[in-house]
Amino acid sequence: MSGQRAQDSAPRTRFRSNRVCRVNGELFFCTRENTLEGPFDSAEKAEQEIQAYIARMQAQTA
């Protein structure tokens, strides 16, 4: 996947990966900004929060 954020200096290829991970048995997701968001009760809730996080980030840059 190819993409560039506004703060990136040059285009580069990005590869999607599973953003949801377990830390000490709890579910979190990792962001491009190197934050760990969570914990969440289920993978479905984590996926919902990923979409909400993306929407917030896009709204900030708009």
C-alpha atoms as a PDB file:
ATOM      1  CA  MET A   1       0.000   0.000   0.000  1.00  0.00           C
ATOM      2  CA  SER A   2       1.307   3.421  -0.894  1.00  0.00           C
ATOM      3  CA  GLY A   3       0.475   6.473   1.146  1.00  0.00           C
ATOM      4  CA  GLN A   4       1.819   9.689   2.526  1.00  0.00           C
ATOM      5  CA  ARG A   5       0.801  11.680   5.562  1.00  0.00           C
ATOM      6  CA  ALA A   6       1.047  15.474   5.519  1.00  0.00           C
ATOM      7  CA  GLN A   7       4.030  15.451   7.893  1.00  0.00           C
ATOM      8  CA  ASP A   8       5.965  12.824   5.886  1.00  0.00           C
ATOM      9  CA  SER A   9       8.867  14.266   3.936  1.00  0.00           C
ATOM     10  CA  ALA A  10       8.913  11.714   1.105  1.00  0.00           C
ATOM     11  CA  PRO A  11       6.544   9.077  -0.293  1.00  0.00           C
ATOM     12  CA  ARG A  12       7.102   5.545   0.932  1.00  0.00           C
ATOM     13  CA  THR A  13       5.424   2.190   0.819  1.00  0.00           C
ATOM     14  CA  ARG A  14       3.418   1.192   3.873  1.00  0.00           C
ATOM     15  CA  PHE A  15       2.289  -2.316   4.604  1.00  0.00           C
ATOM     16  CA  ARG A  16      -0.885  -2.960   6.541  1.00  0.00           C
ATOM     17  CA  SER A  17      -0.636  -5.267   9.498  1.00  0.00           C
ATOM     18  CA  ASN A  18      -2.929  -6.427  12.221  1.00  0.00           C
ATOM     19  CA  ARG A  19      -3.166  -3.409  14.503  1.00  0.00           C
ATOM     20  CA  VAL A  20      -4.815  -5.313  17.348  1.00  0.00           C
ATOM     21  CA  CYS A  21      -2.461  -6.994  19.800  1.00  0.00           C
ATOM     22  CA  ARG A  22      -2.555  -8.494  23.279  1.00  0.00           C
ATOM     23  CA  VAL A  23      -0.498  -7.091  26.123  1.00  0.00           C
ATOM     24  CA  ASN A  24      -0.719  -9.012  29.384  1.00  0.00           C
ATOM     25  CA  GLY A  25      -3.911 -10.632  28.111  1.00  0.00           C
ATOM     26  CA  GLU A  26      -5.624  -7.329  27.250  1.00  0.00           C
ATOM     27  CA  LEU A  27      -6.464  -6.074  23.736  1.00  0.00           C
ATOM     28  CA  PHE A  28      -4.894  -2.873  22.410  1.00  0.00           C
ATOM     29  CA  PHE A  29      -4.203  -1.334  19.022  1.00  0.00           C
ATOM     30  CA  CYS A  30      -1.045   0.389  17.833  1.00  0.00           C
ATOM     31  CA  THR A  31      -1.046   3.640  15.875  1.00  0.00           C
ATOM     32  CA  ARG A  32       1.350   5.174  13.350  1.00  0.00           C
ATOM     33  CA  GLU A  33       2.049   7.783  16.000  1.00  0.00           C
ATOM     34  CA  ASN A  34       3.483   5.002  18.201  1.00  0.00           C
ATOM     35  CA  THR A  35       0.719   5.048  20.777  1.00  0.00           C
ATOM     36  CA  LEU A  36      -0.930   2.005  22.277  1.00  0.00           C
ATOM     37  CA  GLU A  37      -4.688   2.532  22.613  1.00  0.00           C
ATOM     38  CA  GLY A  38      -6.889   0.437  24.904  1.00  0.00           C
ATOM     39  CA  PRO A  39      -7.501  -1.886  26.632  1.00  0.00           C
ATOM     40  CA  PHE A  40     -10.652  -3.193  24.953  1.00  0.00           C
ATOM     41  CA  ASP A  41     -13.062  -5.941  25.988  1.00  0.00           C
ATOM     42  CA  SER A  42     -13.155  -7.604  22.565  1.00  0.00           C
ATOM     43  CA  ALA A  43     -11.511  -7.551  19.144  1.00  0.00           C
ATOM     44  CA  GLU A  44     -14.747  -6.136  17.720  1.00  0.00           C
ATOM     45  CA  LYS A  45     -14.659  -3.195  20.146  1.00  0.00           C
ATOM     46  CA  ALA A  46     -10.992  -2.596  19.285  1.00  0.00           C
ATOM     47  CA  GLU A  47     -11.868  -2.527  15.556  1.00  0.00           C
ATOM     48  CA  GLN A  48     -14.649  -0.002  16.239  1.00  0.00           C
ATOM     49  CA  GLU A  49     -12.241   2.175  18.170  1.00  0.00           C
ATOM     50  CA  ILE A  50      -9.668   1.941  15.367  1.00  0.00           C
ATOM     51  CA  GLN A  51     -12.245   3.385  12.966  1.00  0.00           C
ATOM     52  CA  ALA A  52     -13.125   6.135  15.463  1.00  0.00           C
ATOM     53  CA  TYR A  53      -9.425   6.937  15.954  1.00  0.00           C
ATOM     54  CA  ILE A  54      -8.875   7.202  12.178  1.00  0.00           C
ATOM     55  CA  ALA A  55     -11.880   9.527  11.877  1.00  0.00           C
ATOM     56  CA  ARG A  56     -10.503  11.768  14.667  1.00  0.00           C
ATOM     57  CA  MET A  57      -7.066  11.930  13.042  1.00  0.00           C
ATOM     58  CA  GLN A  58      -8.563  12.789   9.648  1.00  0.00           C
ATOM     59  CA  ALA A  59     -10.747  15.495  11.210  1.00  0.00           C
ATOM     60  CA  GLN A  60      -7.678  17.086  12.834  1.00  0.00           C
ATOM     61  CA  THR A  61      -5.876  17.380   9.500  1.00  0.00           C
ATOM     62  CA  ALA A  62      -8.925  18.632   7.576  1.00  0.00           C
END
